[in-house]
Amino acid sequence: MSGKGSTLFTVGTLLRHAQDAGAPVRLLVQGTWLDGRIVGADGLGVVLDDGNAQQVLVRLDAIVAVSFSRADIDEPDDRAARSHGRRRRDPIEAGPVGG
């Protein structure tokens, strides 16, 4: 761990990075990995498109893990088509659910 400061990594933070880059993700939900690209998100869930005309809405509080390739997120020469670089983006956050 680096001593340069503290960072809070959340499911929402990682999903935001992947969404900004248009990168494919894998989400672990109830023991099953779901693959696709994030096409929509709010404070409670994300819409994942599998590229085969199937979309699924996943609640953020049901996601156990997020996986994606760093190569899809980080461009070595900072010339990404969809830059997520130095601008600040708020994470996708899960909030309380009213009943």
N, C-alpha and C. Protein backbone atom coordinates (compact mmCIF):
# COMPACT_ATOMS: atom_id res chain seq x y z
N MET A 1 0.84 -1.17 0.00
CA MET A 1 0.00 0.00 0.00
C MET A 1 0.89 1.24 0.00
N SER A 2 0.45 2.23 -0.70
CA SER A 2 1.18 3.48 -0.79
C SER A 2 0.81 4.39 0.37
N GLY A 3 1.75 5.17 0.84
CA GLY A 3 1.49 6.09 1.92
C GLY A 3 1.10 7.47 1.45
N LYS A 4 0.76 7.63 0.17
CA LYS A 4 0.47 8.94 -0.41
C LYS A 4 -0.90 9.49 -0.05
N GLY A 5 -1.76 8.72 0.50
CA GLY A 5 -3.10 9.18 0.84
C GLY A 5 -4.04 8.00 0.90
N SER A 6 -5.29 8.31 1.14
CA SER A 6 -6.24 7.22 1.23
C SER A 6 -7.26 7.34 0.10
N THR A 7 -7.68 6.22 -0.40
CA THR A 7 -8.69 6.14 -1.44
C THR A 7 -9.69 5.09 -1.03
N LEU A 8 -10.95 5.40 -1.17
CA LEU A 8 -12.01 4.45 -0.88
C LEU A 8 -12.47 3.84 -2.19
N PHE A 9 -12.19 2.57 -2.39
CA PHE A 9 -12.62 1.88 -3.60
C PHE A 9 -13.95 1.20 -3.32
N THR A 10 -14.91 1.49 -4.15
CA THR A 10 -16.23 0.89 -4.01
C THR A 10 -16.61 0.25 -5.33
N VAL A 11 -17.63 -0.57 -5.30
CA VAL A 11 -18.18 -1.15 -6.52
C VAL A 11 -18.54 -0.02 -7.48
N GLY A 12 -19.17 1.02 -6.95
CA GLY A 12 -19.58 2.14 -7.79
C GLY A 12 -18.43 2.87 -8.45
N THR A 13 -17.32 3.02 -7.73
CA THR A 13 -16.15 3.68 -8.30
C THR A 13 -15.61 2.90 -9.49
N LEU A 14 -15.47 1.60 -9.32
CA LEU A 14 -14.96 0.77 -10.41
C LEU A 14 -15.93 0.73 -11.58
N LEU A 15 -17.21 0.66 -11.30
CA LEU A 15 -18.20 0.67 -12.38
C LEU A 15 -18.16 1.98 -13.16
N ARG A 16 -17.98 3.09 -12.46
CA ARG A 16 -17.91 4.39 -13.13
C ARG A 16 -16.71 4.44 -14.08
N HIS A 17 -15.55 3.94 -13.63
CA HIS A 17 -14.37 3.92 -14.49
C HIS A 17 -14.63 3.08 -15.74
N ALA A 18 -15.23 1.93 -15.56
CA ALA A 18 -15.51 1.06 -16.71
C ALA A 18 -16.54 1.70 -17.63
N GLN A 19 -17.57 2.33 -17.07
CA GLN A 19 -18.59 2.97 -17.89
C GLN A 19 -17.98 4.14 -18.68
N ASP A 20 -17.18 4.95 -18.04
CA ASP A 20 -16.55 6.08 -18.72
C ASP A 20 -15.67 5.64 -19.89
N ALA A 21 -15.00 4.51 -19.72
CA ALA A 21 -14.12 4.01 -20.77
C ALA A 21 -14.85 3.14 -21.79
N GLY A 22 -16.10 2.80 -21.51
CA GLY A 22 -16.82 1.90 -22.42
C GLY A 22 -16.27 0.49 -22.38
N ALA A 23 -15.64 0.14 -21.27
CA ALA A 23 -14.96 -1.15 -21.15
C ALA A 23 -15.93 -2.26 -20.73
N PRO A 24 -15.72 -3.47 -21.23
CA PRO A 24 -16.52 -4.60 -20.76
C PRO A 24 -16.18 -4.92 -19.31
N VAL A 25 -17.17 -5.38 -18.58
CA VAL A 25 -16.98 -5.73 -17.17
C VAL A 25 -17.54 -7.12 -16.90
N ARG A 26 -17.12 -7.66 -15.78
CA ARG A 26 -17.71 -8.89 -15.24
C ARG A 26 -18.17 -8.54 -13.84
N LEU A 27 -19.41 -8.88 -13.54
CA LEU A 27 -19.98 -8.62 -12.22
C LEU A 27 -20.34 -9.93 -11.56
N LEU A 28 -19.92 -10.11 -10.32
CA LEU A 28 -20.27 -11.30 -9.57
C LEU A 28 -21.52 -11.00 -8.76
N VAL A 29 -22.61 -11.70 -9.12
CA VAL A 29 -23.91 -11.49 -8.48
C VAL A 29 -24.45 -12.86 -8.07
N GLN A 30 -24.62 -13.06 -6.78
CA GLN A 30 -25.15 -14.31 -6.23
C GLN A 30 -24.45 -15.54 -6.80
N GLY A 31 -23.13 -15.49 -6.85
CA GLY A 31 -22.32 -16.63 -7.29
C GLY A 31 -22.22 -16.81 -8.80
N THR A 32 -22.79 -15.89 -9.57
CA THR A 32 -22.76 -15.99 -11.03
C THR A 32 -22.08 -14.75 -11.61
N TRP A 33 -21.17 -14.99 -12.56
CA TRP A 33 -20.52 -13.87 -13.24
C TRP A 33 -21.38 -13.43 -14.42
N LEU A 34 -21.65 -12.14 -14.49
CA LEU A 34 -22.38 -11.54 -15.61
C LEU A 34 -21.40 -10.68 -16.40
N ASP A 35 -21.42 -10.83 -17.72
CA ASP A 35 -20.50 -10.09 -18.59
C ASP A 35 -21.25 -9.10 -19.45
N GLY A 36 -20.64 -7.94 -19.69
CA GLY A 36 -21.23 -6.97 -20.59
C GLY A 36 -20.63 -5.59 -20.42
N ARG A 37 -21.29 -4.63 -21.04
CA ARG A 37 -20.90 -3.22 -20.93
C ARG A 37 -22.01 -2.47 -20.21
N ILE A 38 -21.63 -1.52 -19.40
CA ILE A 38 -22.61 -0.73 -18.66
C ILE A 38 -23.20 0.30 -19.62
N VAL A 39 -24.52 0.25 -19.79
CA VAL A 39 -25.19 1.19 -20.68
C VAL A 39 -26.06 2.18 -19.90
N GLY A 40 -26.20 1.99 -18.62
CA GLY A 40 -26.95 2.92 -17.79
C GLY A 40 -26.67 2.64 -16.33
N ALA A 41 -26.77 3.69 -15.53
CA ALA A 41 -26.52 3.53 -14.10
C ALA A 41 -27.17 4.66 -13.33
N ASP A 42 -27.57 4.34 -12.12
CA ASP A 42 -28.03 5.36 -11.18
C ASP A 42 -27.53 4.96 -9.80
N GLY A 43 -28.04 5.54 -8.77
CA GLY A 43 -27.56 5.26 -7.43
C GLY A 43 -27.95 3.90 -6.88
N LEU A 44 -28.82 3.19 -7.57
CA LEU A 44 -29.27 1.89 -7.07
C LEU A 44 -28.85 0.71 -7.92
N GLY A 45 -28.59 0.93 -9.20
CA GLY A 45 -28.25 -0.21 -10.06
C GLY A 45 -27.59 0.19 -11.36
N VAL A 46 -27.20 -0.83 -12.11
CA VAL A 46 -26.60 -0.64 -13.42
C VAL A 46 -27.33 -1.53 -14.42
N VAL A 47 -27.38 -1.07 -15.66
CA VAL A 47 -27.91 -1.87 -16.75
C VAL A 47 -26.70 -2.39 -17.53
N LEU A 48 -26.62 -3.71 -17.63
CA LEU A 48 -25.51 -4.37 -18.28
C LEU A 48 -26.00 -4.96 -19.59
N ASP A 49 -25.33 -4.63 -20.70
CA ASP A 49 -25.68 -5.13 -22.03
C ASP A 49 -24.64 -6.17 -22.43
N ASP A 50 -25.11 -7.39 -22.77
CA ASP A 50 -24.18 -8.47 -23.08
C ASP A 50 -23.73 -8.48 -24.54
N GLY A 51 -24.22 -7.55 -25.36
CA GLY A 51 -23.83 -7.50 -26.77
C GLY A 51 -24.59 -8.45 -27.66
N ASN A 52 -25.49 -9.23 -27.09
CA ASN A 52 -26.30 -10.19 -27.84
C ASN A 52 -27.79 -9.91 -27.65
N ALA A 53 -28.13 -8.62 -27.60
CA ALA A 53 -29.52 -8.17 -27.47
C ALA A 53 -30.13 -8.49 -26.11
N GLN A 54 -29.31 -8.79 -25.11
CA GLN A 54 -29.81 -9.04 -23.76
C GLN A 54 -29.26 -7.96 -22.83
N GLN A 55 -30.15 -7.41 -22.02
CA GLN A 55 -29.74 -6.47 -21.00
C GLN A 55 -30.28 -6.94 -19.66
N VAL A 56 -29.53 -6.62 -18.62
CA VAL A 56 -29.95 -7.01 -17.28
C VAL A 56 -29.72 -5.83 -16.34
N LEU A 57 -30.68 -5.62 -15.45
CA LEU A 57 -30.53 -4.61 -14.41
C LEU A 57 -30.02 -5.30 -13.16
N VAL A 58 -28.92 -4.79 -12.62
CA VAL A 58 -28.31 -5.37 -11.43
C VAL A 58 -28.28 -4.32 -10.34
N ARG A 59 -28.81 -4.67 -9.19
CA ARG A 59 -28.76 -3.76 -8.05
C ARG A 59 -27.32 -3.69 -7.52
N LEU A 60 -26.87 -2.49 -7.22
CA LEU A 60 -25.50 -2.32 -6.75
C LEU A 60 -25.24 -3.11 -5.48
N ASP A 61 -26.22 -3.19 -4.59
CA ASP A 61 -25.98 -3.90 -3.34
C ASP A 61 -25.92 -5.42 -3.51
N ALA A 62 -26.23 -5.91 -4.71
CA ALA A 62 -26.14 -7.34 -4.99
C ALA A 62 -24.80 -7.73 -5.63
N ILE A 63 -24.01 -6.73 -6.02
CA ILE A 63 -22.73 -7.00 -6.68
C ILE A 63 -21.67 -7.26 -5.62
N VAL A 64 -21.05 -8.44 -5.72
CA VAL A 64 -20.02 -8.84 -4.77
C VAL A 64 -18.64 -8.43 -5.27
N ALA A 65 -18.42 -8.49 -6.60
CA ALA A 65 -17.11 -8.16 -7.17
C ALA A 65 -17.29 -7.61 -8.57
N VAL A 66 -16.33 -6.77 -8.97
CA VAL A 66 -16.28 -6.20 -10.31
C VAL A 66 -14.92 -6.55 -10.90
N SER A 67 -14.93 -7.01 -12.14
CA SER A 67 -13.68 -7.36 -12.81
C SER A 67 -13.67 -6.71 -14.20
N PHE A 68 -12.52 -6.15 -14.56
CA PHE A 68 -12.33 -5.63 -15.90
C PHE A 68 -10.84 -5.59 -16.19
N SER A 69 -10.51 -5.45 -17.47
CA SER A 69 -9.11 -5.40 -17.87
C SER A 69 -8.58 -3.98 -17.74
N ARG A 70 -7.46 -3.82 -17.09
CA ARG A 70 -6.85 -2.49 -16.98
C ARG A 70 -6.50 -1.95 -18.34
N ALA A 71 -6.17 -2.82 -19.27
CA ALA A 71 -5.84 -2.38 -20.62
C ALA A 71 -7.03 -1.69 -21.28
N ASP A 72 -8.25 -2.09 -20.90
CA ASP A 72 -9.44 -1.45 -21.44
C ASP A 72 -9.73 -0.11 -20.78
N ILE A 73 -9.17 0.12 -19.61
CA ILE A 73 -9.41 1.34 -18.86
C ILE A 73 -8.30 2.36 -19.06
N ASP A 74 -7.06 1.90 -18.96
CA ASP A 74 -5.90 2.80 -19.04
C ASP A 74 -5.30 2.77 -20.43
N GLU A 75 -5.20 3.92 -21.05
CA GLU A 75 -4.52 4.05 -22.34
C GLU A 75 -3.11 4.54 -22.05
N PRO A 76 -2.09 3.82 -22.51
CA PRO A 76 -0.72 4.20 -22.17
C PRO A 76 -0.33 5.58 -22.69
N ASP A 77 -0.93 6.02 -23.79
CA ASP A 77 -0.54 7.33 -24.34
C ASP A 77 -1.62 8.39 -24.09
N ASP A 78 -2.56 8.11 -23.20
CA ASP A 78 -3.62 9.05 -22.82
C ASP A 78 -4.44 9.55 -24.01
N ARG A 79 -4.63 8.71 -25.03
CA ARG A 79 -5.43 9.10 -26.18
C ARG A 79 -6.68 8.25 -26.29
N ALA A 80 -7.29 7.93 -25.17
CA ALA A 80 -8.50 7.11 -25.18
C ALA A 80 -9.62 7.83 -25.89
N ALA A 81 -10.42 7.07 -26.63
CA ALA A 81 -11.55 7.65 -27.34
C ALA A 81 -12.55 8.24 -26.36
N ARG A 82 -12.74 7.58 -25.24
CA ARG A 82 -13.64 8.08 -24.19
C ARG A 82 -12.81 8.30 -22.95
N SER A 83 -12.27 9.46 -22.82
CA SER A 83 -11.35 9.75 -21.72
C SER A 83 -12.06 9.71 -20.37
N HIS A 84 -11.42 9.09 -19.41
CA HIS A 84 -11.90 9.11 -18.03
C HIS A 84 -10.83 9.71 -17.14
N GLY A 85 -9.78 10.17 -17.77
CA GLY A 85 -8.56 10.62 -17.16
C GLY A 85 -8.66 11.51 -15.96
N ARG A 86 -8.27 12.74 -16.09
CA ARG A 86 -8.04 13.60 -14.95
C ARG A 86 -9.27 14.34 -14.45
N ARG A 87 -10.38 14.24 -15.12
CA ARG A 87 -11.55 14.93 -14.62
C ARG A 87 -12.18 14.13 -13.49
N ARG A 88 -12.74 14.85 -12.54
CA ARG A 88 -13.35 14.18 -11.39
C ARG A 88 -14.75 13.72 -11.74
N ARG A 89 -15.03 12.47 -11.46
CA ARG A 89 -16.37 11.91 -11.65
C ARG A 89 -16.81 11.32 -10.33
N ASP A 90 -18.02 11.60 -9.95
CA ASP A 90 -18.56 11.00 -8.74
C ASP A 90 -18.82 9.53 -9.00
N PRO A 91 -18.61 8.69 -8.00
CA PRO A 91 -18.88 7.27 -8.17
C PRO A 91 -20.39 6.98 -8.23
N ILE A 92 -20.70 5.86 -8.79
CA ILE A 92 -22.06 5.36 -8.73
C ILE A 92 -22.23 4.81 -7.32
N GLU A 93 -23.16 5.33 -6.57
CA GLU A 93 -23.28 4.92 -5.18
C GLU A 93 -24.60 4.23 -4.91
N ALA A 94 -24.55 3.27 -4.04
CA ALA A 94 -25.78 2.62 -3.59
C ALA A 94 -26.29 3.37 -2.38
N GLY A 95 -27.53 3.76 -2.42
CA GLY A 95 -28.12 4.48 -1.30
C GLY A 95 -29.14 3.61 -0.59
N PRO A 96 -29.71 4.13 0.46
CA PRO A 96 -30.72 3.36 1.18
C PRO A 96 -31.97 3.17 0.32
N VAL A 97 -32.58 2.05 0.49
CA VAL A 97 -33.79 1.72 -0.26
C VAL A 97 -34.98 1.82 0.67
N GLY A 98 -35.94 2.67 0.31
CA GLY A 98 -37.13 2.84 1.13
C GLY A 98 -38.10 1.71 0.92
N GLY A 99 -38.95 1.46 1.86
CA GLY A 99 -39.86 0.33 1.77
C GLY A 99 -41.28 0.69 1.62
